[in-house]
Amino acid sequence: MYPADDLTLTTELACAIVQRNERLGIPEFRFLVRLISRTGLGDRTYAPRNLLDGREELAAQRDSVDEMDACFDGAVPELLARTGLRARDVDVLVVNVNGFFPEPCLASRVVRRYGMREDVAAVVRRYGMREDVAAYNLSGMGCSATLVAVDVGRNAMRARSPRPVVALVVSTESLAPHWYAGKERTMMLAQCLFRCGGAAVLLSNDPAHRGRAKMELRRLVRSTTAASDDAYSCIMQREDDDGLRGVSISKALPKAALRAFAANLQRLLPRVLPAMEIARLAADLAWQNLLQRRRHRGQTKLKINLKAGVDHICLHAGGVAVIDAVKKSFGLEERDVEPSRMTLHRWGNTSASSVWYVLSYMEAKGRLRRGDKVLMVTFGSGFKCNSCVWEGAWADCIDAYPPESKPSPFLEKFAWINDEAADESSSPF
């Protein structure tokens, strides 16, 4: 299973890592701990080994390679074992890792490791796949990359139609070389949110696999709002004034996510919502336009009932602010966003793989029924929003969620940060 238990980032370890940062003064330390306490993360997330070993500022390429190998070995063999397929049965391989792009690419590493065929490229070398496997390696696509990878796999299958094709999609993130040890506040949030995680998914157009498939991909829509300066720059990797590299996250992120989601829904909803709901929206829009002309009022928001066309919403567990913004804007119930909140609490933001943890939560809780439709939504830097409709890692702790309350373990340990009059003599350093 990935991540392994020995990569657990407990409250004590997290506090020790923060205290190692000698660049932080009392104001920065207080801000950082407050930030951590509001992220919604629990006490059982995972971090790369170099961070736990105290080498966050001395990460080597070997650390990133080991991090990727741990994910591949934790996800791919188990997936193949569960499905009864062999690595050499894979025709198409797509690997997405946002912040690590070595040569040869990670897709080639998987192919070799698992013995894939010679016509597959990427994860091929690591798993001994066939030499004729088609491999694709995606980088820099952010947290929305997993649905980009699914789209690439789907298009590769279409290009080979009508031949039966099996596609393997591996989504993860490399955190080992990207820990920010500076003091710029806009760059502190990423290290508070992002944690280790990864997932592997098999897609197939082979009719022989229909009876074993959990869900069928119905629709997939990709959108980007990069033409907007605010959207483009709300998540950006850069260097601070001291030359330390990190990811800057601005306050414009929730608004950028909603704008990208709205643009995505304009294309998705006509394919998903029933005719009666579309007619209601059209009537509401016409009525609002009429009132606007007569009374010179500002245009009011349409109330879109997302649940009219789907049974569940699988929302990227990117952060509390984005989850709350989507919930409020679309009138969702707490039960609709509970899987995303619990995924964030249990695993943290695992980047592109997070939606598979959210879907797994729904499955483990027994929410998914035969024939249910699931709207999967991902957000990522750029700013991108990708969505799809599916029709159709929690086993050791699912009964404990949702907890009666989720007090922050960081606030319990550092209650003094809320005392604005705290004397600098109380510094933990």
Protein backbone atom coordinates (compact mmCIF):
# COMPACT_ATOMS: atom_id res chain seq x y z
CA MET A 1 0.00 0.00 0.00
CA TYR A 2 1.22 3.52 -0.79
CA PRO A 3 2.09 5.56 1.11
CA ALA A 4 3.65 3.24 3.68
CA ASP A 5 3.09 3.77 7.40
CA ASP A 6 6.72 4.72 7.96
CA LEU A 7 6.08 7.89 5.92
CA THR A 8 3.39 9.11 8.32
CA LEU A 9 3.70 12.82 9.12
CA THR A 10 2.46 13.11 12.70
CA THR A 11 1.79 16.39 14.48
CA GLU A 12 5.05 16.04 16.41
CA LEU A 13 7.07 15.49 13.22
CA ALA A 14 5.33 18.37 11.45
CA CYS A 15 6.11 20.69 14.36
CA ALA A 16 9.74 19.54 14.40
CA ILE A 17 10.04 20.29 10.68
CA VAL A 18 8.59 23.77 11.14
CA GLN A 19 10.91 24.46 14.06
CA ARG A 20 13.93 23.47 11.94
CA ASN A 21 13.32 26.47 9.72
CA GLU A 22 15.67 29.06 11.21
CA ARG A 23 14.39 31.72 8.81
CA LEU A 24 11.10 31.99 10.69
CA GLY A 25 10.61 34.60 13.35
CA ILE A 26 7.74 34.63 15.84
CA PRO A 27 5.28 36.37 13.44
CA GLU A 28 6.03 33.92 10.61
CA PHE A 29 5.90 30.94 12.96
CA ARG A 30 2.55 32.05 14.37
CA PHE A 31 1.18 32.58 10.85
CA LEU A 32 2.40 29.18 9.64
CA VAL A 33 0.92 27.23 12.55
CA ARG A 34 -2.39 29.06 12.18
CA LEU A 35 -2.32 28.20 8.50
CA ILE A 36 -1.70 24.52 9.20
CA SER A 37 -4.49 24.43 11.78
CA ARG A 38 -7.00 25.72 9.21
CA THR A 39 -6.11 23.40 6.33
CA GLY A 40 -8.46 20.62 7.43
CA LEU A 41 -5.64 18.04 7.50
CA GLY A 42 -5.52 15.43 10.23
CA ASP A 43 -2.69 13.68 12.04
CA ARG A 44 -2.22 10.79 9.62
CA THR A 45 -0.99 12.19 6.31
CA TYR A 46 2.25 11.24 4.57
CA ALA A 47 5.45 13.02 3.54
CA PRO A 48 8.54 12.09 1.47
CA ARG A 49 11.35 10.38 3.32
CA ASN A 50 13.92 13.13 2.87
CA LEU A 51 11.58 15.49 4.70
CA LEU A 52 11.16 13.08 7.61
CA ASP A 53 14.94 12.56 7.70
CA GLY A 54 15.60 16.30 7.98
CA ARG A 55 16.96 16.75 4.45
CA GLU A 56 14.21 18.96 3.02
CA GLU A 57 16.72 21.55 1.79
CA LEU A 58 19.21 18.96 0.51
CA ALA A 59 16.96 16.82 -1.68
CA ALA A 60 18.77 14.83 -4.37
CA GLN A 61 17.36 13.32 -7.54
CA ARG A 62 17.62 9.92 -5.88
CA ASP A 63 15.03 11.07 -3.31
CA SER A 64 12.53 11.86 -6.07
CA VAL A 65 13.26 8.59 -7.88
CA ASP A 66 12.76 6.60 -4.68
CA GLU A 67 9.53 8.50 -4.00
CA MET A 68 8.21 7.60 -7.46
CA ASP A 69 9.30 3.97 -7.18
CA ALA A 70 7.48 3.66 -3.86
CA CYS A 71 4.29 4.94 -5.47
CA PHE A 72 4.58 2.72 -8.53
CA ASP A 73 5.29 -0.37 -6.41
CA GLY A 74 2.45 0.48 -4.06
CA ALA A 75 -0.19 1.01 -6.73
CA VAL A 76 0.56 -0.84 -9.97
CA PRO A 77 1.14 -4.45 -8.74
CA GLU A 78 -1.93 -4.34 -6.49
CA LEU A 79 -4.10 -3.03 -9.32
CA LEU A 80 -2.92 -5.77 -11.69
CA ALA A 81 -3.45 -8.41 -9.00
CA ARG A 82 -7.00 -7.23 -8.31
CA THR A 83 -7.95 -7.22 -11.98
CA GLY A 84 -6.18 -10.44 -12.88
CA LEU A 85 -4.29 -8.74 -15.70
CA ARG A 86 -0.58 -8.93 -16.42
CA ALA A 87 1.71 -6.00 -17.13
CA ARG A 88 2.14 -7.31 -20.67
CA ASP A 89 -1.61 -7.02 -21.22
CA VAL A 90 -1.31 -3.22 -21.12
CA ASP A 91 -1.43 -1.52 -24.53
CA VAL A 92 -1.36 2.14 -23.46
CA LEU A 93 0.45 3.69 -20.50
CA VAL A 94 -0.05 7.26 -19.23
CA VAL A 95 1.94 8.57 -16.26
CA ASN A 96 1.36 12.04 -14.82
CA VAL A 97 3.70 13.60 -12.26
CA ASN A 98 3.64 17.35 -11.95
CA GLY A 99 7.02 18.40 -10.57
CA PHE A 100 9.55 15.73 -11.57
CA PHE A 101 10.54 14.93 -15.15
CA PRO A 102 13.78 12.90 -15.37
CA GLU A 103 15.33 11.31 -18.44
CA PRO A 104 14.44 8.60 -19.30
CA CYS A 105 10.89 9.58 -18.41
CA LEU A 106 8.95 7.99 -15.58
CA ALA A 107 6.70 6.18 -18.04
CA SER A 108 9.73 4.30 -19.37
CA ARG A 109 10.68 3.44 -15.80
CA VAL A 110 7.30 1.82 -15.18
CA VAL A 111 7.48 -0.16 -18.42
CA ARG A 112 10.84 -1.61 -17.49
CA ARG A 113 9.92 -2.30 -13.89
CA TYR A 114 6.77 -4.24 -14.71
CA GLY A 115 7.82 -5.96 -17.93
CA MET A 116 5.42 -4.29 -20.33
CA ARG A 117 5.58 -4.84 -24.07
CA GLU A 118 8.15 -3.11 -26.24
CA ASP A 119 5.50 -0.96 -27.94
CA VAL A 120 4.47 0.68 -24.67
CA ALA A 121 6.52 3.61 -23.45
CA ALA A 122 7.03 4.93 -19.93
CA VAL A 123 6.30 2.79 -16.90
CA VAL A 124 7.37 0.11 -19.29
CA ARG A 125 10.96 -0.47 -18.26
CA ARG A 126 10.26 -0.84 -14.55
CA TYR A 127 7.62 -3.54 -14.88
CA GLY A 128 8.73 -5.36 -18.03
CA MET A 129 5.82 -4.34 -20.23
CA ARG A 130 5.68 -5.13 -23.95
CA GLU A 131 7.86 -3.19 -26.37
CA ASP A 132 4.85 -2.20 -28.50
CA VAL A 133 3.05 -0.42 -25.65
CA ALA A 134 2.22 3.25 -26.29
CA ALA A 135 3.51 5.35 -23.40
CA TYR A 136 2.83 8.97 -22.49
CA ASN A 137 4.44 11.06 -19.74
CA LEU A 138 2.64 14.23 -18.54
CA SER A 139 4.30 16.91 -16.40
CA GLY A 140 3.41 20.40 -15.23
CA MET A 141 -0.35 19.84 -15.51
CA GLY A 142 -1.08 20.40 -11.82
CA CYS A 143 -3.79 18.80 -9.72
CA SER A 144 -6.12 18.42 -12.72
CA ALA A 145 -3.70 16.12 -14.56
CA THR A 146 -5.42 12.81 -13.80
CA LEU A 147 -8.39 13.56 -16.08
CA VAL A 148 -5.98 14.81 -18.74
CA ALA A 149 -4.28 11.42 -18.45
CA VAL A 150 -7.64 9.64 -18.69
CA ASP A 151 -8.45 11.69 -21.80
CA VAL A 152 -5.10 10.78 -23.37
CA GLY A 153 -5.75 7.12 -22.61
CA ARG A 154 -9.27 7.32 -24.04
CA ASN A 155 -8.05 8.98 -27.25
CA ALA A 156 -5.29 6.40 -27.62
CA MET A 157 -7.90 3.65 -27.36
CA ARG A 158 -10.08 5.39 -29.96
CA ALA A 159 -7.13 5.62 -32.33
CA ARG A 160 -6.68 1.85 -32.08
CA SER A 161 -10.37 1.01 -32.40
CA PRO A 162 -11.90 -1.47 -33.04
CA ARG A 163 -9.01 -3.44 -31.56
CA PRO A 164 -9.50 -4.15 -27.82
CA VAL A 165 -7.16 -1.95 -25.79
CA VAL A 166 -6.17 -1.81 -22.11
CA ALA A 167 -4.82 1.51 -20.79
CA LEU A 168 -3.02 2.02 -17.48
CA VAL A 169 -3.13 5.51 -15.93
CA VAL A 170 -0.77 6.28 -13.02
CA SER A 171 -1.24 9.59 -11.17
CA THR A 172 1.04 10.84 -8.42
CA GLU A 173 3.16 13.80 -7.33
CA SER A 174 6.78 14.31 -6.36
CA LEU A 175 7.16 16.35 -3.18
CA ALA A 176 10.75 15.45 -2.28
CA PRO A 177 12.47 18.33 -4.13
CA HIS A 178 9.79 20.97 -3.58
CA TRP A 179 9.65 21.70 0.14
CA TYR A 180 9.65 25.46 0.73
CA ALA A 181 11.80 26.53 3.65
CA GLY A 182 11.38 30.28 3.31
CA LYS A 183 9.21 32.85 5.03
CA GLU A 184 7.04 34.35 2.27
CA ARG A 185 3.45 33.87 3.37
CA THR A 186 1.90 33.21 -0.05
CA MET A 187 4.33 30.31 -0.49
CA MET A 188 3.70 28.63 2.87
CA LEU A 189 0.24 27.23 2.07
CA ALA A 190 1.46 24.63 -0.42
CA GLN A 191 3.69 22.90 2.13
CA CYS A 192 0.77 22.85 4.58
CA LEU A 193 -1.61 21.21 2.08
CA PHE A 194 0.30 18.84 -0.19
CA ARG A 195 1.08 15.31 0.93
CA CYS A 196 2.27 12.04 -0.62
CA GLY A 197 -0.21 9.87 -2.45
CA GLY A 198 -0.80 8.11 -5.74
CA ALA A 199 -3.26 5.99 -7.67
CA ALA A 200 -3.36 3.63 -10.64
CA VAL A 201 -6.42 3.08 -12.82
CA LEU A 202 -7.14 0.66 -15.65
CA LEU A 203 -9.30 1.62 -18.63
CA SER A 204 -10.48 -0.80 -21.29
CA ASN A 205 -12.71 -0.83 -24.37
CA ASP A 206 -12.69 -4.62 -24.49
CA PRO A 207 -16.28 -5.96 -24.28
CA ALA A 208 -14.88 -8.96 -22.39
CA HIS A 209 -14.05 -6.64 -19.47
CA ARG A 210 -17.51 -5.04 -19.21
CA GLY A 211 -18.72 -7.37 -16.49
CA ARG A 212 -15.68 -6.60 -14.30
CA ALA A 213 -15.62 -2.84 -14.83
CA LYS A 214 -16.69 -0.72 -11.86
CA MET A 215 -17.75 2.31 -13.90
CA GLU A 216 -18.11 3.48 -17.49
CA LEU A 217 -16.74 6.82 -18.73
CA ARG A 218 -19.61 8.78 -20.24
CA ARG A 219 -18.43 12.37 -20.71
CA LEU A 220 -15.15 14.22 -20.30
CA VAL A 221 -14.69 17.99 -20.67
CA ARG A 222 -11.45 19.98 -20.27
CA SER A 223 -11.33 23.74 -19.72
CA THR A 224 -8.63 26.33 -19.08
CA THR A 225 -8.87 30.00 -18.15
CA ALA A 226 -5.18 30.82 -18.62
CA ALA A 227 -6.06 33.93 -20.66
CA SER A 228 -6.97 35.61 -17.36
CA ASP A 229 -3.96 37.02 -15.51
CA ASP A 230 -5.50 36.31 -12.09
CA ALA A 231 -6.35 32.73 -13.02
CA TYR A 232 -2.97 32.07 -14.60
CA SER A 233 -0.96 33.36 -11.65
CA CYS A 234 -3.08 32.18 -8.69
CA ILE A 235 -0.92 29.03 -8.41
CA MET A 236 2.63 29.43 -9.64
CA GLN A 237 6.04 27.96 -8.95
CA ARG A 238 8.59 30.71 -8.45
CA GLU A 239 11.47 31.93 -6.29
CA ASP A 240 11.06 34.27 -3.34
CA ASP A 241 13.26 37.29 -2.64
CA ASP A 242 15.87 35.02 -1.05
CA GLY A 243 16.07 32.76 -4.10
CA LEU A 244 14.17 29.88 -2.45
CA ARG A 245 11.86 28.02 -4.80
CA GLY A 246 8.29 27.17 -3.87
CA VAL A 247 4.67 27.30 -5.02
CA SER A 248 2.82 30.55 -4.49
CA ILE A 249 -0.95 30.32 -3.88
CA SER A 250 -2.89 33.59 -3.94
CA LYS A 251 -6.24 34.53 -2.42
CA ALA A 252 -7.68 34.60 -5.95
CA LEU A 253 -7.64 30.79 -6.08
CA PRO A 254 -11.26 30.07 -4.96
CA LYS A 255 -12.63 32.66 -7.40
CA ALA A 256 -10.45 31.28 -10.21
CA ALA A 257 -11.68 27.76 -9.45
CA LEU A 258 -15.33 28.83 -9.60
CA ARG A 259 -14.78 30.72 -12.85
CA ALA A 260 -13.08 27.71 -14.45
CA PHE A 261 -15.78 25.38 -13.11
CA ALA A 262 -18.51 27.60 -14.59
CA ALA A 263 -16.76 27.59 -17.98
CA ASN A 264 -16.48 23.82 -17.82
CA LEU A 265 -20.13 23.34 -16.87
CA GLN A 266 -21.30 25.40 -19.83
CA ARG A 267 -20.07 22.58 -22.04
CA LEU A 268 -20.77 19.65 -19.73
CA LEU A 269 -24.27 20.33 -18.38
CA PRO A 270 -26.14 20.19 -21.72
CA ARG A 271 -24.82 16.64 -22.08
CA VAL A 272 -25.66 15.61 -18.52
CA LEU A 273 -28.76 17.39 -17.22
CA PRO A 274 -32.22 16.06 -18.09
CA ALA A 275 -34.33 18.04 -20.55
CA MET A 276 -36.65 19.34 -17.82
CA GLU A 277 -33.77 20.86 -15.85
CA ILE A 278 -32.32 22.48 -18.98
CA ALA A 279 -35.76 23.92 -19.78
CA ARG A 280 -36.03 25.29 -16.23
CA LEU A 281 -32.63 26.96 -16.50
CA ALA A 282 -33.55 28.48 -19.86
CA ALA A 283 -36.81 29.85 -18.43
CA ASP A 284 -35.02 31.26 -15.37
CA LEU A 285 -32.43 32.93 -17.58
CA ALA A 286 -35.09 34.48 -19.83
CA TRP A 287 -37.03 35.77 -16.80
CA GLN A 288 -33.92 37.25 -15.21
CA ASN A 289 -32.97 39.00 -18.45
CA LEU A 290 -36.46 40.47 -18.69
CA LEU A 291 -36.35 41.77 -15.11
CA GLN A 292 -32.88 43.15 -15.69
CA ARG A 293 -34.05 45.20 -18.68
CA ARG A 294 -37.19 46.48 -16.95
CA ARG A 295 -35.75 47.31 -13.57
CA HIS A 296 -32.11 47.88 -14.53
CA ARG A 297 -31.04 45.38 -11.91
CA GLY A 298 -27.78 43.54 -11.92
CA GLN A 299 -27.94 40.01 -13.22
CA THR A 300 -28.56 37.42 -10.51
CA LYS A 301 -26.95 34.00 -10.47
CA LEU A 302 -28.73 31.03 -11.93
CA LYS A 303 -29.36 28.27 -9.42
CA ILE A 304 -28.01 25.13 -11.05
CA ASN A 305 -29.03 21.81 -9.56
CA LEU A 306 -26.01 19.63 -10.32
CA LYS A 307 -27.66 16.65 -8.64
CA ALA A 308 -30.44 16.69 -11.25
CA GLY A 309 -28.16 14.87 -13.69
CA VAL A 310 -25.80 12.94 -11.40
CA ASP A 311 -26.05 11.06 -8.13
CA HIS A 312 -22.68 11.95 -6.59
CA ILE A 313 -20.08 14.70 -6.90
CA CYS A 314 -16.43 13.65 -6.65
CA LEU A 315 -14.66 16.95 -6.02
CA HIS A 316 -10.88 17.43 -5.94
CA ALA A 317 -9.72 17.65 -2.32
CA GLY A 318 -7.58 20.70 -2.98
CA GLY A 319 -8.33 22.71 0.11
CA VAL A 320 -11.08 23.86 2.46
CA ALA A 321 -11.55 27.21 0.70
CA VAL A 322 -12.22 25.67 -2.72
CA ILE A 323 -14.52 22.97 -1.30
CA ASP A 324 -16.51 25.60 0.61
CA ALA A 325 -16.70 27.90 -2.43
CA VAL A 326 -18.09 25.15 -4.69
CA LYS A 327 -20.52 24.02 -1.99
CA LYS A 328 -21.88 27.53 -1.46
CA SER A 329 -22.06 28.54 -5.13
CA PHE A 330 -23.95 25.44 -6.24
CA GLY A 331 -26.09 24.92 -3.16
CA LEU A 332 -24.63 21.52 -2.35
CA GLU A 333 -25.32 19.73 0.90
CA GLU A 334 -22.59 18.85 3.38
CA ARG A 335 -23.07 15.18 2.48
CA ASP A 336 -22.11 15.99 -1.12
CA VAL A 337 -18.71 17.41 -0.14
CA GLU A 338 -18.08 15.09 2.82
CA PRO A 339 -15.94 12.67 0.75
CA SER A 340 -13.67 15.55 -0.32
CA ARG A 341 -13.39 16.92 3.22
CA MET A 342 -12.59 13.50 4.66
CA THR A 343 -10.02 12.81 1.95
CA LEU A 344 -8.34 16.13 2.76
CA HIS A 345 -8.41 15.26 6.47
CA ARG A 346 -7.06 11.73 6.07
CA TRP A 347 -4.60 12.08 3.19
CA GLY A 348 -4.10 15.81 2.57
CA ASN A 349 -4.00 17.22 -0.95
CA THR A 350 -2.40 14.40 -2.93
CA SER A 351 -2.53 16.49 -6.11
CA ALA A 352 -3.83 14.73 -9.23
CA SER A 353 -4.58 11.46 -7.45
CA SER A 354 -6.89 13.03 -4.84
CA VAL A 355 -10.13 12.42 -6.76
CA TRP A 356 -9.46 8.68 -6.74
CA TYR A 357 -9.20 8.79 -2.94
CA VAL A 358 -12.51 10.70 -2.88
CA LEU A 359 -14.14 8.09 -5.13
CA SER A 360 -12.70 5.32 -2.96
CA TYR A 361 -14.28 6.95 0.12
CA MET A 362 -17.68 6.88 -1.58
CA GLU A 363 -17.20 3.23 -2.48
CA ALA A 364 -16.01 2.23 0.99
CA LYS A 365 -18.98 4.00 2.59
CA GLY A 366 -21.37 2.02 0.39
CA ARG A 367 -22.73 5.10 -1.36
CA LEU A 368 -22.22 3.87 -4.91
CA ARG A 369 -25.04 1.81 -6.34
CA ARG A 370 -25.27 0.04 -9.67
CA GLY A 371 -26.25 2.56 -12.31
CA ASP A 372 -25.27 5.64 -10.25
CA LYS A 373 -23.67 8.56 -12.07
CA VAL A 374 -20.65 10.32 -10.55
CA LEU A 375 -19.50 13.79 -11.59
CA MET A 376 -15.73 13.96 -11.09
CA VAL A 377 -14.23 17.47 -10.97
CA THR A 378 -10.54 18.39 -10.84
CA PHE A 379 -8.88 21.80 -10.50
CA GLY A 380 -5.29 22.65 -11.31
CA SER A 381 -2.82 25.44 -11.97
CA GLY A 382 -3.18 27.26 -15.23
CA PHE A 383 -6.02 27.63 -14.25
CA LYS A 384 -7.67 24.39 -15.38
CA CYS A 385 -10.91 22.63 -14.56
CA ASN A 386 -11.52 19.17 -15.97
CA SER A 387 -14.61 17.09 -15.39
CA CYS A 388 -16.08 13.77 -16.39
CA VAL A 389 -19.11 11.65 -15.65
CA TRP A 390 -18.67 8.04 -14.57
CA GLU A 391 -21.60 5.69 -14.52
CA GLY A 392 -22.03 2.73 -13.06
CA ALA A 393 -7.30 3.18 0.57
CA TRP A 394 -10.02 3.49 3.19
CA ALA A 395 -10.41 -0.08 4.37
CA ASP A 396 -8.35 0.31 7.56
CA CYS A 397 -10.06 3.48 8.82
CA ILE A 398 -13.36 4.04 6.98
CA ASP A 399 -15.49 3.33 10.07
CA ALA A 400 -13.85 6.25 11.88
CA TYR A 401 -15.02 8.81 9.31
CA PRO A 402 -16.51 11.32 9.51
CA PRO A 403 -15.31 11.97 13.08
CA GLU A 404 -17.58 13.71 15.57
CA SER A 405 -15.21 16.66 15.51
CA LYS A 406 -11.94 17.50 13.79
CA PRO A 407 -9.93 19.64 16.27
CA SER A 408 -6.59 20.71 14.90
CA PRO A 409 -3.73 18.84 16.63
CA PHE A 410 -1.52 21.83 15.83
CA LEU A 411 -3.68 24.26 17.81
CA GLU A 412 -3.67 21.88 20.77
CA LYS A 413 0.13 21.88 20.78
CA PHE A 414 0.58 25.59 20.01
CA ALA A 415 -2.39 27.29 21.70
CA TRP A 416 -0.18 30.28 22.48
CA ILE A 417 -0.22 31.45 18.84
CA ASN A 418 -3.65 33.00 19.38
CA ASP A 419 -2.22 35.24 22.09
CA GLU A 420 -1.30 38.38 20.16
CA ALA A 421 0.56 39.70 23.19
CA ALA A 422 2.83 36.67 23.32
CA ASP A 423 6.31 37.70 24.39
CA GLU A 424 9.13 36.88 22.00
CA SER A 425 10.72 35.08 24.92
CA SER A 426 8.17 32.32 24.27
CA SER A 427 9.86 31.52 20.98
CA PRO A 428 10.22 27.77 20.43
CA PHE A 429 13.66 28.29 18.94
